[in-house]
Amino acid sequence: MADAQIFQPSVIYRDDRAALDWLAKAFDFAVSLIVEDDQGKIVHSEMKYRGALVTIAREFMDATKSPKDLGGRITQLLHIQVDCDIDAHCERARAAGAVIFQEPEDQFYGDRTYRCVDPEGHVWVFAQEIKTMSLGEMEKASGLKLRETL
């Protein structure tokens, strides 16, 4: 399969249909698949961004919860690379109602990033590479020790 995803996160929402709409509006994700039962309830859905897939799921069993049902606790951050104009991307997310808790900011590793929270409490980190950096340049800029392990 040429389009097979090796790693595909699944993000849990109370209201998966509202999440599909919001993610499209805020982040420019595109709905690529919706599977509904005979009552019109979504049983599976997927969105794409720059070729990557993310499953948007509802709370389908007791162990799958939105951060909204866990007192705002989260178990992961979702990190997405954008290809251009991260500042405009941030403004689009803000206009859609995302809570921006880290404004766009240049990082020591060459990316410009911002962080936000969606209406159900998921944390999204968006980044755009603005400068390609070597490990040595990152170490010098950060004061940290970096080493490749693979």
N, C-alpha and C. Protein backbone atom coordinates (compact mmCIF):
# COMPACT_ATOMS: atom_id res chain seq x y z
N MET A 1 0.84 -1.19 0.00
CA MET A 1 0.00 0.00 0.00
C MET A 1 0.87 1.24 0.00
N ALA A 2 0.79 2.02 -1.03
CA ALA A 2 1.60 3.23 -1.14
C ALA A 2 1.20 4.30 -0.12
N ASP A 3 -0.08 4.39 0.24
CA ASP A 3 -0.55 5.41 1.17
C ASP A 3 -0.59 4.96 2.62
N ALA A 4 -0.08 3.78 2.92
CA ALA A 4 -0.17 3.24 4.27
C ALA A 4 0.53 4.15 5.27
N GLN A 5 -0.11 4.37 6.39
CA GLN A 5 0.47 5.15 7.47
C GLN A 5 1.17 4.19 8.42
N ILE A 6 2.37 4.50 8.80
CA ILE A 6 3.10 3.68 9.75
C ILE A 6 2.64 4.00 11.16
N PHE A 7 2.30 5.26 11.41
CA PHE A 7 1.89 5.70 12.74
C PHE A 7 0.72 6.64 12.57
N GLN A 8 -0.40 6.30 13.18
CA GLN A 8 -1.60 7.13 13.03
C GLN A 8 -2.24 7.36 14.39
N PRO A 9 -2.12 8.57 14.92
CA PRO A 9 -2.75 8.84 16.22
C PRO A 9 -4.27 8.86 16.11
N SER A 10 -4.90 8.57 17.24
CA SER A 10 -6.35 8.65 17.33
C SER A 10 -6.67 9.58 18.50
N VAL A 11 -7.44 10.62 18.23
CA VAL A 11 -7.74 11.63 19.24
C VAL A 11 -9.20 11.48 19.64
N ILE A 12 -9.44 11.38 20.94
CA ILE A 12 -10.77 11.08 21.47
C ILE A 12 -11.51 12.35 21.86
N TYR A 13 -12.76 12.44 21.39
CA TYR A 13 -13.64 13.59 21.68
C TYR A 13 -14.98 13.10 22.19
N ARG A 14 -15.62 13.94 23.00
CA ARG A 14 -17.02 13.69 23.38
C ARG A 14 -17.89 13.75 22.13
N ASP A 15 -17.66 14.77 21.32
CA ASP A 15 -18.48 15.02 20.14
C ASP A 15 -17.58 14.96 18.90
N ASP A 16 -17.49 13.77 18.32
CA ASP A 16 -16.57 13.60 17.19
C ASP A 16 -16.99 14.40 15.96
N ARG A 17 -18.28 14.54 15.73
CA ARG A 17 -18.75 15.31 14.56
C ARG A 17 -18.38 16.79 14.70
N ALA A 18 -18.57 17.35 15.89
CA ALA A 18 -18.18 18.75 16.13
C ALA A 18 -16.66 18.91 16.02
N ALA A 19 -15.92 17.91 16.47
CA ALA A 19 -14.45 17.96 16.38
C ALA A 19 -14.00 17.99 14.93
N LEU A 20 -14.61 17.20 14.08
CA LEU A 20 -14.26 17.20 12.65
C LEU A 20 -14.44 18.60 12.06
N ASP A 21 -15.57 19.23 12.37
CA ASP A 21 -15.83 20.57 11.86
C ASP A 21 -14.83 21.58 12.41
N TRP A 22 -14.58 21.52 13.71
CA TRP A 22 -13.69 22.48 14.35
C TRP A 22 -12.25 22.34 13.84
N LEU A 23 -11.75 21.12 13.75
CA LEU A 23 -10.38 20.89 13.30
C LEU A 23 -10.17 21.37 11.86
N ALA A 24 -11.20 21.22 11.03
CA ALA A 24 -11.11 21.73 9.65
C ALA A 24 -11.05 23.26 9.67
N LYS A 25 -11.90 23.87 10.48
CA LYS A 25 -11.94 25.33 10.54
C LYS A 25 -10.68 25.92 11.17
N ALA A 26 -10.23 25.34 12.27
CA ALA A 26 -9.11 25.90 13.02
C ALA A 26 -7.75 25.59 12.41
N PHE A 27 -7.56 24.37 11.96
CA PHE A 27 -6.22 23.92 11.56
C PHE A 27 -6.10 23.57 10.08
N ASP A 28 -7.19 23.69 9.33
CA ASP A 28 -7.18 23.36 7.91
C ASP A 28 -6.99 21.87 7.65
N PHE A 29 -7.39 21.02 8.61
CA PHE A 29 -7.40 19.58 8.38
C PHE A 29 -8.56 19.28 7.44
N ALA A 30 -8.43 18.22 6.66
CA ALA A 30 -9.48 17.83 5.71
C ALA A 30 -10.02 16.46 6.09
N VAL A 31 -11.34 16.37 6.16
CA VAL A 31 -11.97 15.07 6.42
C VAL A 31 -11.70 14.18 5.21
N SER A 32 -11.14 13.00 5.46
CA SER A 32 -10.83 12.09 4.36
C SER A 32 -11.70 10.84 4.39
N LEU A 33 -12.30 10.51 5.54
CA LEU A 33 -13.15 9.33 5.62
C LEU A 33 -14.10 9.46 6.80
N ILE A 34 -15.38 9.18 6.56
CA ILE A 34 -16.37 9.06 7.62
C ILE A 34 -17.13 7.77 7.38
N VAL A 35 -17.21 6.94 8.41
CA VAL A 35 -17.99 5.70 8.36
C VAL A 35 -19.11 5.87 9.37
N GLU A 36 -20.36 5.72 8.90
CA GLU A 36 -21.53 5.89 9.77
C GLU A 36 -22.32 4.59 9.82
N ASP A 37 -23.00 4.38 10.96
CA ASP A 37 -23.91 3.24 11.04
C ASP A 37 -25.25 3.61 10.42
N ASP A 38 -26.22 2.73 10.49
CA ASP A 38 -27.51 2.98 9.83
C ASP A 38 -28.34 4.07 10.50
N GLN A 39 -27.94 4.53 11.69
CA GLN A 39 -28.60 5.67 12.35
C GLN A 39 -27.85 6.99 12.11
N GLY A 40 -26.78 6.96 11.33
CA GLY A 40 -26.00 8.15 11.05
C GLY A 40 -24.95 8.49 12.10
N LYS A 41 -24.72 7.58 13.05
CA LYS A 41 -23.70 7.79 14.08
C LYS A 41 -22.34 7.44 13.48
N ILE A 42 -21.37 8.30 13.70
CA ILE A 42 -20.02 8.04 13.19
C ILE A 42 -19.41 6.89 14.00
N VAL A 43 -18.91 5.89 13.28
CA VAL A 43 -18.21 4.78 13.93
C VAL A 43 -16.71 4.83 13.65
N HIS A 44 -16.31 5.62 12.67
CA HIS A 44 -14.88 5.83 12.37
C HIS A 44 -14.75 7.06 11.49
N SER A 45 -13.72 7.87 11.76
CA SER A 45 -13.47 9.02 10.89
C SER A 45 -11.97 9.32 10.88
N GLU A 46 -11.54 9.88 9.75
CA GLU A 46 -10.14 10.24 9.58
C GLU A 46 -10.04 11.62 8.95
N MET A 47 -8.96 12.31 9.31
CA MET A 47 -8.65 13.61 8.71
C MET A 47 -7.22 13.56 8.21
N LYS A 48 -6.94 14.39 7.19
CA LYS A 48 -5.59 14.48 6.65
C LYS A 48 -5.07 15.91 6.77
N TYR A 49 -3.76 15.98 6.94
CA TYR A 49 -3.06 17.25 6.89
C TYR A 49 -1.68 16.97 6.31
N ARG A 50 -1.39 17.58 5.16
CA ARG A 50 -0.11 17.40 4.48
C ARG A 50 0.21 15.92 4.29
N GLY A 51 -0.81 15.12 4.02
CA GLY A 51 -0.63 13.70 3.75
C GLY A 51 -0.67 12.80 4.97
N ALA A 52 -0.58 13.36 6.16
CA ALA A 52 -0.63 12.56 7.39
C ALA A 52 -2.08 12.36 7.81
N LEU A 53 -2.35 11.22 8.43
CA LEU A 53 -3.70 10.91 8.90
C LEU A 53 -3.79 10.98 10.41
N VAL A 54 -4.95 11.41 10.88
CA VAL A 54 -5.30 11.34 12.30
C VAL A 54 -6.74 10.83 12.37
N THR A 55 -6.98 9.88 13.25
CA THR A 55 -8.33 9.39 13.49
C THR A 55 -8.98 10.27 14.55
N ILE A 56 -10.21 10.67 14.28
CA ILE A 56 -10.99 11.44 15.25
C ILE A 56 -12.09 10.50 15.74
N ALA A 57 -12.05 10.19 17.03
CA ALA A 57 -12.96 9.19 17.57
C ALA A 57 -13.78 9.76 18.72
N ARG A 58 -14.92 9.17 18.93
CA ARG A 58 -15.74 9.54 20.09
C ARG A 58 -15.36 8.64 21.26
N GLU A 59 -15.82 8.99 22.42
CA GLU A 59 -15.62 8.14 23.59
C GLU A 59 -16.44 6.87 23.37
N PHE A 60 -15.77 5.81 22.94
CA PHE A 60 -16.50 4.59 22.55
C PHE A 60 -16.45 3.49 23.59
N MET A 61 -15.67 3.66 24.64
CA MET A 61 -15.66 2.73 25.77
C MET A 61 -15.17 3.49 27.00
N ASP A 62 -15.30 2.91 28.16
CA ASP A 62 -14.99 3.61 29.39
C ASP A 62 -13.54 4.09 29.46
N ALA A 63 -12.62 3.38 28.83
CA ALA A 63 -11.21 3.73 28.90
C ALA A 63 -10.81 4.84 27.93
N THR A 64 -11.70 5.21 27.00
CA THR A 64 -11.37 6.28 26.05
C THR A 64 -12.13 7.54 26.44
N LYS A 65 -11.39 8.56 26.83
CA LYS A 65 -12.00 9.79 27.32
C LYS A 65 -11.35 11.02 26.69
N SER A 66 -12.15 12.03 26.53
CA SER A 66 -11.68 13.35 26.15
C SER A 66 -11.05 13.99 27.38
N PRO A 67 -10.04 14.85 27.22
CA PRO A 67 -9.51 15.57 28.38
C PRO A 67 -10.60 16.32 29.15
N LYS A 68 -11.66 16.70 28.45
CA LYS A 68 -12.78 17.40 29.09
C LYS A 68 -13.42 16.55 30.19
N ASP A 69 -13.35 15.22 30.02
CA ASP A 69 -13.92 14.30 31.02
C ASP A 69 -12.88 13.81 32.03
N LEU A 70 -11.66 14.33 31.92
CA LEU A 70 -10.58 13.93 32.83
C LEU A 70 -10.05 15.13 33.60
N GLY A 71 -10.90 16.13 33.80
CA GLY A 71 -10.49 17.32 34.53
C GLY A 71 -9.40 18.11 33.81
N GLY A 72 -9.36 18.00 32.50
CA GLY A 72 -8.37 18.73 31.72
C GLY A 72 -7.04 18.02 31.57
N ARG A 73 -6.91 16.85 32.20
CA ARG A 73 -5.65 16.10 32.08
C ARG A 73 -5.48 15.60 30.64
N ILE A 74 -4.23 15.58 30.22
CA ILE A 74 -3.94 15.08 28.88
C ILE A 74 -2.90 13.96 28.98
N THR A 75 -2.89 13.11 27.99
CA THR A 75 -1.92 12.02 27.99
C THR A 75 -0.94 12.13 26.82
N GLN A 76 -1.12 13.12 25.97
CA GLN A 76 -0.21 13.30 24.84
C GLN A 76 -0.30 14.73 24.32
N LEU A 77 0.72 15.12 23.60
CA LEU A 77 0.72 16.36 22.83
C LEU A 77 0.73 15.94 21.37
N LEU A 78 0.05 16.65 20.53
CA LEU A 78 0.05 16.37 19.11
C LEU A 78 0.90 17.43 18.43
N HIS A 79 1.99 17.01 17.79
CA HIS A 79 2.95 17.93 17.17
C HIS A 79 2.82 17.83 15.66
N ILE A 80 2.57 18.97 15.03
CA ILE A 80 2.34 19.01 13.58
C ILE A 80 3.26 20.05 12.96
N GLN A 81 3.94 19.65 11.88
CA GLN A 81 4.77 20.58 11.12
C GLN A 81 3.92 21.24 10.04
N VAL A 82 3.94 22.55 10.00
CA VAL A 82 3.29 23.29 8.91
C VAL A 82 4.37 23.69 7.92
N ASP A 83 3.98 23.97 6.68
CA ASP A 83 5.00 24.27 5.68
C ASP A 83 5.22 25.76 5.46
N CYS A 84 4.29 26.60 5.91
CA CYS A 84 4.49 28.03 5.71
C CYS A 84 3.59 28.85 6.64
N ASP A 85 4.00 30.06 6.93
CA ASP A 85 3.25 31.08 7.66
C ASP A 85 2.59 30.59 8.95
N ILE A 86 3.43 30.16 9.87
CA ILE A 86 2.95 29.66 11.16
C ILE A 86 2.17 30.74 11.92
N ASP A 87 2.54 31.99 11.76
CA ASP A 87 1.83 33.06 12.46
C ASP A 87 0.38 33.18 11.98
N ALA A 88 0.17 33.05 10.67
CA ALA A 88 -1.20 33.07 10.13
C ALA A 88 -1.96 31.83 10.58
N HIS A 89 -1.27 30.69 10.65
CA HIS A 89 -1.90 29.46 11.13
C HIS A 89 -2.40 29.65 12.56
N CYS A 90 -1.57 30.27 13.38
CA CYS A 90 -1.94 30.55 14.77
C CYS A 90 -3.17 31.46 14.84
N GLU A 91 -3.19 32.48 14.02
CA GLU A 91 -4.33 33.41 14.02
C GLU A 91 -5.61 32.71 13.57
N ARG A 92 -5.50 31.81 12.61
CA ARG A 92 -6.66 31.04 12.16
C ARG A 92 -7.20 30.20 13.32
N ALA A 93 -6.29 29.53 14.04
CA ALA A 93 -6.70 28.71 15.19
C ALA A 93 -7.34 29.57 16.27
N ARG A 94 -6.74 30.72 16.56
CA ARG A 94 -7.29 31.63 17.57
C ARG A 94 -8.70 32.08 17.18
N ALA A 95 -8.87 32.45 15.91
CA ALA A 95 -10.18 32.92 15.43
C ALA A 95 -11.24 31.84 15.54
N ALA A 96 -10.83 30.57 15.45
CA ALA A 96 -11.77 29.45 15.57
C ALA A 96 -12.06 29.10 17.03
N GLY A 97 -11.35 29.73 17.96
CA GLY A 97 -11.61 29.49 19.38
C GLY A 97 -10.54 28.71 20.11
N ALA A 98 -9.41 28.40 19.46
CA ALA A 98 -8.32 27.73 20.16
C ALA A 98 -7.77 28.67 21.23
N VAL A 99 -7.40 28.12 22.36
CA VAL A 99 -6.74 28.89 23.41
C VAL A 99 -5.24 28.78 23.15
N ILE A 100 -4.63 29.89 22.81
CA ILE A 100 -3.20 29.91 22.52
C ILE A 100 -2.47 30.14 23.83
N PHE A 101 -1.69 29.17 24.29
CA PHE A 101 -0.98 29.37 25.54
C PHE A 101 0.52 29.54 25.34
N GLN A 102 0.99 29.39 24.12
CA GLN A 102 2.35 29.82 23.76
C GLN A 102 2.25 30.45 22.39
N GLU A 103 2.47 31.74 22.34
CA GLU A 103 2.44 32.46 21.07
C GLU A 103 3.58 31.98 20.17
N PRO A 104 3.49 32.19 18.86
CA PRO A 104 4.58 31.79 17.97
C PRO A 104 5.92 32.37 18.44
N GLU A 105 6.89 31.47 18.50
CA GLU A 105 8.19 31.85 19.06
C GLU A 105 9.28 31.01 18.39
N ASP A 106 10.41 31.64 18.07
CA ASP A 106 11.54 30.92 17.48
C ASP A 106 12.19 30.04 18.54
N GLN A 107 12.55 28.81 18.14
CA GLN A 107 13.16 27.84 19.06
C GLN A 107 14.63 27.64 18.70
N PHE A 108 15.43 27.18 19.66
CA PHE A 108 16.86 26.98 19.44
C PHE A 108 17.17 25.93 18.38
N TYR A 109 16.23 25.06 18.07
CA TYR A 109 16.47 23.99 17.10
C TYR A 109 16.04 24.36 15.68
N GLY A 110 15.65 25.63 15.47
CA GLY A 110 15.39 26.11 14.12
C GLY A 110 13.93 26.17 13.71
N ASP A 111 13.03 25.77 14.58
CA ASP A 111 11.59 25.86 14.29
C ASP A 111 11.00 27.09 14.96
N ARG A 112 9.90 27.55 14.43
CA ARG A 112 9.04 28.55 15.07
C ARG A 112 7.79 27.79 15.49
N THR A 113 7.41 27.85 16.74
CA THR A 113 6.30 27.04 17.24
C THR A 113 5.28 27.87 18.00
N TYR A 114 4.06 27.32 18.06
CA TYR A 114 3.05 27.82 18.99
C TYR A 114 2.31 26.62 19.55
N ARG A 115 1.67 26.81 20.69
CA ARG A 115 0.93 25.74 21.36
C ARG A 115 -0.47 26.25 21.67
N CYS A 116 -1.44 25.35 21.50
CA CYS A 116 -2.82 25.73 21.77
C CYS A 116 -3.62 24.56 22.30
N VAL A 117 -4.79 24.89 22.82
CA VAL A 117 -5.71 23.88 23.35
C VAL A 117 -7.01 23.99 22.58
N ASP A 118 -7.54 22.84 22.16
CA ASP A 118 -8.81 22.83 21.43
C ASP A 118 -9.99 22.84 22.40
N PRO A 119 -11.23 22.92 21.92
CA PRO A 119 -12.39 23.04 22.81
C PRO A 119 -12.58 21.90 23.80
N GLU A 120 -11.99 20.73 23.53
CA GLU A 120 -12.13 19.62 24.49
C GLU A 120 -10.87 19.38 25.31
N GLY A 121 -9.86 20.24 25.14
CA GLY A 121 -8.69 20.17 26.01
C GLY A 121 -7.46 19.49 25.44
N HIS A 122 -7.49 19.05 24.20
CA HIS A 122 -6.30 18.48 23.58
C HIS A 122 -5.29 19.58 23.30
N VAL A 123 -4.02 19.29 23.56
CA VAL A 123 -2.94 20.25 23.31
C VAL A 123 -2.32 19.94 21.95
N TRP A 124 -2.26 20.95 21.12
CA TRP A 124 -1.69 20.86 19.78
C TRP A 124 -0.47 21.78 19.72
N VAL A 125 0.64 21.26 19.20
CA VAL A 125 1.86 22.04 19.01
C VAL A 125 2.10 22.11 17.50
N PHE A 126 2.16 23.32 16.99
CA PHE A 126 2.42 23.52 15.56
C PHE A 126 3.79 24.16 15.40
N ALA A 127 4.54 23.68 14.41
CA ALA A 127 5.89 24.17 14.19
C ALA A 127 6.15 24.35 12.70
N GLN A 128 7.01 25.30 12.41
CA GLN A 128 7.47 25.52 11.04
C GLN A 128 8.99 25.66 11.10
N GLU A 129 9.68 24.88 10.28
CA GLU A 129 11.13 25.03 10.23
C GLU A 129 11.47 26.36 9.56
N ILE A 130 12.24 27.16 10.26
CA ILE A 130 12.65 28.44 9.69
C ILE A 130 14.15 28.48 9.41
N LYS A 131 14.89 27.53 10.01
CA LYS A 131 16.32 27.44 9.79
C LYS A 131 16.77 26.02 10.07
N THR A 132 17.50 25.42 9.13
CA THR A 132 18.06 24.10 9.34
C THR A 132 19.30 24.25 10.22
N MET A 133 19.32 23.49 11.31
CA MET A 133 20.40 23.61 12.29
C MET A 133 21.11 22.27 12.46
N SER A 134 22.42 22.32 12.62
CA SER A 134 23.18 21.12 12.95
C SER A 134 23.05 20.88 14.46
N LEU A 135 23.41 19.68 14.90
CA LEU A 135 23.39 19.41 16.34
C LEU A 135 24.33 20.36 17.08
N GLY A 136 25.46 20.63 16.50
CA GLY A 136 26.40 21.57 17.12
C GLY A 136 25.82 22.95 17.27
N GLU A 137 25.14 23.43 16.25
CA GLU A 137 24.50 24.75 16.33
C GLU A 137 23.40 24.76 17.39
N MET A 138 22.63 23.66 17.48
CA MET A 138 21.58 23.57 18.51
C MET A 138 22.18 23.56 19.91
N GLU A 139 23.29 22.82 20.09
CA GLU A 139 23.96 22.80 21.39
C GLU A 139 24.43 24.19 21.78
N LYS A 140 25.05 24.88 20.85
CA LYS A 140 25.56 26.22 21.12
C LYS A 140 24.43 27.18 21.47
N ALA A 141 23.32 27.09 20.73
CA ALA A 141 22.19 27.99 20.96
C ALA A 141 21.46 27.70 22.26
N SER A 142 21.47 26.44 22.71
CA SER A 142 20.67 26.06 23.88
C SER A 142 21.47 25.83 25.14
N GLY A 143 22.75 25.49 25.02
CA GLY A 143 23.52 25.12 26.19
C GLY A 143 23.26 23.67 26.61
N LEU A 144 22.48 22.95 25.82
CA LEU A 144 22.16 21.56 26.11
C LEU A 144 23.12 20.63 25.37
N LYS A 145 23.26 19.40 25.83
CA LYS A 145 24.06 18.39 25.15
C LYS A 145 23.12 17.55 24.31
N LEU A 146 23.34 17.52 23.00
CA LEU A 146 22.51 16.74 22.08
C LEU A 146 23.36 15.63 21.48
N ARG A 147 22.73 14.46 21.28
CA ARG A 147 23.43 13.37 20.60
C ARG A 147 22.44 12.52 19.86
N GLU A 148 22.82 12.15 18.67
CA GLU A 148 21.99 11.24 17.87
C GLU A 148 22.23 9.83 18.37
N THR A 149 21.18 9.02 18.40
CA THR A 149 21.33 7.66 18.90
C THR A 149 21.03 6.60 17.85
N LEU A 150 20.53 6.98 16.69
CA LEU A 150 20.26 5.98 15.65
C LEU A 150 21.26 6.07 14.54
